[in-house]
Amino acid sequence: MSTPFVGMIAGMAPAFAGWFGGFGAFLLVAALGALGWAAGRWVEGGGSVRDVRNAFERNRR
């Protein structure tokens, strides 16, 4: 899939949520989309699941 197509789909998701579910659904979809985007950028930048696990283990000690 091309980047513009993915962007179009990402823009349509909160629009449909806002249309059918109201403003609260729009905010929820937008927040979860932003979280997914941030996680994708982190993994793309070289982050791994092991890094997250190690961060949680350090907090427990």
N, C-alpha and C. Protein backbone atom coordinates (compact mmCIF):
# COMPACT_ATOMS: atom_id res chain seq x y z
N MET A 1 0.85 -1.18 0.00
CA MET A 1 0.00 0.00 0.00
C MET A 1 0.89 1.24 0.00
N SER A 2 0.43 2.24 -0.68
CA SER A 2 1.19 3.48 -0.73
C SER A 2 0.92 4.31 0.53
N THR A 3 1.84 5.19 0.83
CA THR A 3 1.71 6.05 2.01
C THR A 3 0.48 6.95 1.95
N PRO A 4 0.17 7.57 0.80
CA PRO A 4 -1.05 8.39 0.76
C PRO A 4 -2.32 7.57 1.02
N PHE A 5 -2.35 6.33 0.56
CA PHE A 5 -3.53 5.49 0.79
C PHE A 5 -3.68 5.15 2.27
N VAL A 6 -2.57 4.83 2.92
CA VAL A 6 -2.61 4.54 4.36
C VAL A 6 -3.03 5.79 5.12
N GLY A 7 -2.54 6.95 4.71
CA GLY A 7 -2.95 8.20 5.35
C GLY A 7 -4.43 8.47 5.17
N MET A 8 -4.96 8.16 4.00
CA MET A 8 -6.39 8.35 3.76
C MET A 8 -7.21 7.44 4.68
N ILE A 9 -6.82 6.19 4.80
CA ILE A 9 -7.53 5.26 5.69
C ILE A 9 -7.43 5.74 7.14
N ALA A 10 -6.24 6.19 7.54
CA ALA A 10 -6.05 6.68 8.91
C ALA A 10 -6.90 7.92 9.17
N GLY A 11 -7.14 8.73 8.18
CA GLY A 11 -7.99 9.90 8.35
C GLY A 11 -9.46 9.56 8.34
N MET A 12 -9.83 8.53 7.60
CA MET A 12 -11.24 8.15 7.53
C MET A 12 -11.72 7.45 8.80
N ALA A 13 -10.84 6.76 9.51
CA ALA A 13 -11.24 6.04 10.72
C ALA A 13 -11.83 6.97 11.77
N PRO A 14 -11.14 8.06 12.17
CA PRO A 14 -11.76 8.94 13.16
C PRO A 14 -12.96 9.70 12.60
N ALA A 15 -12.97 9.92 11.28
CA ALA A 15 -14.13 10.59 10.70
C ALA A 15 -15.39 9.74 10.83
N PHE A 16 -15.27 8.45 10.52
CA PHE A 16 -16.42 7.55 10.67
C PHE A 16 -16.81 7.41 12.14
N ALA A 17 -15.82 7.34 13.03
CA ALA A 17 -16.12 7.24 14.46
C ALA A 17 -16.86 8.47 14.93
N GLY A 18 -16.44 9.65 14.47
CA GLY A 18 -17.12 10.89 14.85
C GLY A 18 -18.52 10.96 14.29
N TRP A 19 -18.70 10.49 13.07
CA TRP A 19 -20.02 10.55 12.44
C TRP A 19 -21.01 9.62 13.12
N PHE A 20 -20.58 8.38 13.38
CA PHE A 20 -21.50 7.38 13.93
C PHE A 20 -21.49 7.30 15.44
N GLY A 21 -20.39 7.66 16.09
CA GLY A 21 -20.30 7.47 17.53
C GLY A 21 -20.25 8.76 18.34
N GLY A 22 -20.13 9.88 17.69
CA GLY A 22 -20.08 11.14 18.40
C GLY A 22 -18.65 11.58 18.67
N PHE A 23 -18.56 12.68 19.38
CA PHE A 23 -17.26 13.30 19.62
C PHE A 23 -16.37 12.45 20.53
N GLY A 24 -16.95 11.77 21.50
CA GLY A 24 -16.17 10.91 22.39
C GLY A 24 -15.50 9.77 21.63
N ALA A 25 -16.24 9.17 20.71
CA ALA A 25 -15.66 8.10 19.89
C ALA A 25 -14.56 8.64 18.99
N PHE A 26 -14.77 9.84 18.47
CA PHE A 26 -13.75 10.48 17.65
C PHE A 26 -12.46 10.66 18.44
N LEU A 27 -12.55 11.16 19.66
CA LEU A 27 -11.37 11.37 20.49
C LEU A 27 -10.68 10.05 20.82
N LEU A 28 -11.46 9.01 21.11
CA LEU A 28 -10.88 7.71 21.43
C LEU A 28 -10.12 7.15 20.23
N VAL A 29 -10.72 7.20 19.05
CA VAL A 29 -10.06 6.69 17.85
C VAL A 29 -8.81 7.52 17.54
N ALA A 30 -8.90 8.82 17.68
CA ALA A 30 -7.74 9.67 17.41
C ALA A 30 -6.60 9.38 18.40
N ALA A 31 -6.92 9.20 19.67
CA ALA A 31 -5.89 8.91 20.67
C ALA A 31 -5.25 7.55 20.43
N LEU A 32 -6.05 6.54 20.13
CA LEU A 32 -5.50 5.22 19.86
C LEU A 32 -4.70 5.21 18.56
N GLY A 33 -5.13 5.99 17.59
CA GLY A 33 -4.36 6.10 16.35
C GLY A 33 -3.01 6.75 16.59
N ALA A 34 -2.99 7.78 17.42
CA ALA A 34 -1.72 8.45 17.75
C ALA A 34 -0.80 7.50 18.52
N LEU A 35 -1.36 6.71 19.41
CA LEU A 35 -0.56 5.74 20.15
C LEU A 35 0.01 4.69 19.21
N GLY A 36 -0.79 4.21 18.28
CA GLY A 36 -0.31 3.24 17.30
C GLY A 36 0.76 3.83 16.40
N TRP A 37 0.58 5.08 16.01
CA TRP A 37 1.58 5.74 15.18
C TRP A 37 2.92 5.85 15.93
N ALA A 38 2.85 6.25 17.20
CA ALA A 38 4.07 6.40 18.00
C ALA A 38 4.75 5.04 18.18
N ALA A 39 3.99 4.00 18.42
CA ALA A 39 4.58 2.67 18.57
C ALA A 39 5.22 2.21 17.27
N GLY A 40 4.57 2.47 16.16
CA GLY A 40 5.13 2.10 14.87
C GLY A 40 6.42 2.83 14.57
N ARG A 41 6.45 4.12 14.87
CA ARG A 41 7.68 4.89 14.65
C ARG A 41 8.81 4.39 15.55
N TRP A 42 8.47 4.00 16.79
CA TRP A 42 9.47 3.50 17.72
C TRP A 42 10.06 2.19 17.21
N VAL A 43 9.21 1.27 16.76
CA VAL A 43 9.69 0.00 16.25
C VAL A 43 10.49 0.22 14.97
N GLU A 44 10.01 1.12 14.12
CA GLU A 44 10.72 1.41 12.87
C GLU A 44 12.10 1.99 13.14
N GLY A 45 12.24 2.71 14.23
CA GLY A 45 13.51 3.33 14.58
C GLY A 45 14.48 2.38 15.25
N GLY A 46 14.13 1.13 15.42
CA GLY A 46 15.05 0.16 16.00
C GLY A 46 14.66 -0.32 17.39
N GLY A 47 13.54 0.13 17.89
CA GLY A 47 13.09 -0.33 19.19
C GLY A 47 12.60 -1.77 19.10
N SER A 48 12.62 -2.46 20.21
CA SER A 48 12.14 -3.84 20.22
C SER A 48 11.29 -4.09 21.45
N VAL A 49 10.57 -5.18 21.42
CA VAL A 49 9.72 -5.55 22.55
C VAL A 49 10.59 -5.85 23.76
N ARG A 50 11.78 -6.34 23.53
CA ARG A 50 12.71 -6.65 24.63
C ARG A 50 13.03 -5.39 25.43
N ASP A 51 13.13 -4.24 24.76
CA ASP A 51 13.40 -2.98 25.45
C ASP A 51 12.29 -2.64 26.43
N VAL A 52 11.05 -2.86 26.02
CA VAL A 52 9.90 -2.58 26.90
C VAL A 52 9.92 -3.52 28.09
N ARG A 53 10.17 -4.81 27.84
CA ARG A 53 10.22 -5.78 28.93
C ARG A 53 11.31 -5.42 29.93
N ASN A 54 12.48 -5.04 29.43
CA ASN A 54 13.58 -4.66 30.32
C ASN A 54 13.24 -3.42 31.14
N ALA A 55 12.52 -2.48 30.55
CA ALA A 55 12.13 -1.27 31.30
C ALA A 55 11.19 -1.63 32.45
N PHE A 56 10.25 -2.55 32.22
CA PHE A 56 9.34 -2.96 33.29
C PHE A 56 10.08 -3.74 34.37
N GLU A 57 11.04 -4.57 33.99
CA GLU A 57 11.79 -5.33 34.97
C GLU A 57 12.65 -4.42 35.84
N ARG A 58 13.20 -3.36 35.27
CA ARG A 58 14.00 -2.41 36.07
C ARG A 58 13.13 -1.70 37.09
N ASN A 59 11.87 -1.42 36.77
CA ASN A 59 10.99 -0.72 37.69
C ASN A 59 10.56 -1.60 38.85
N ARG A 60 10.56 -2.91 38.66
CA ARG A 60 10.14 -3.82 39.72
C ARG A 60 11.22 -4.03 40.79
N ARG A 61 12.46 -3.81 40.43
CA ARG A 61 13.56 -4.06 41.37
C ARG A 61 13.73 -2.97 42.36
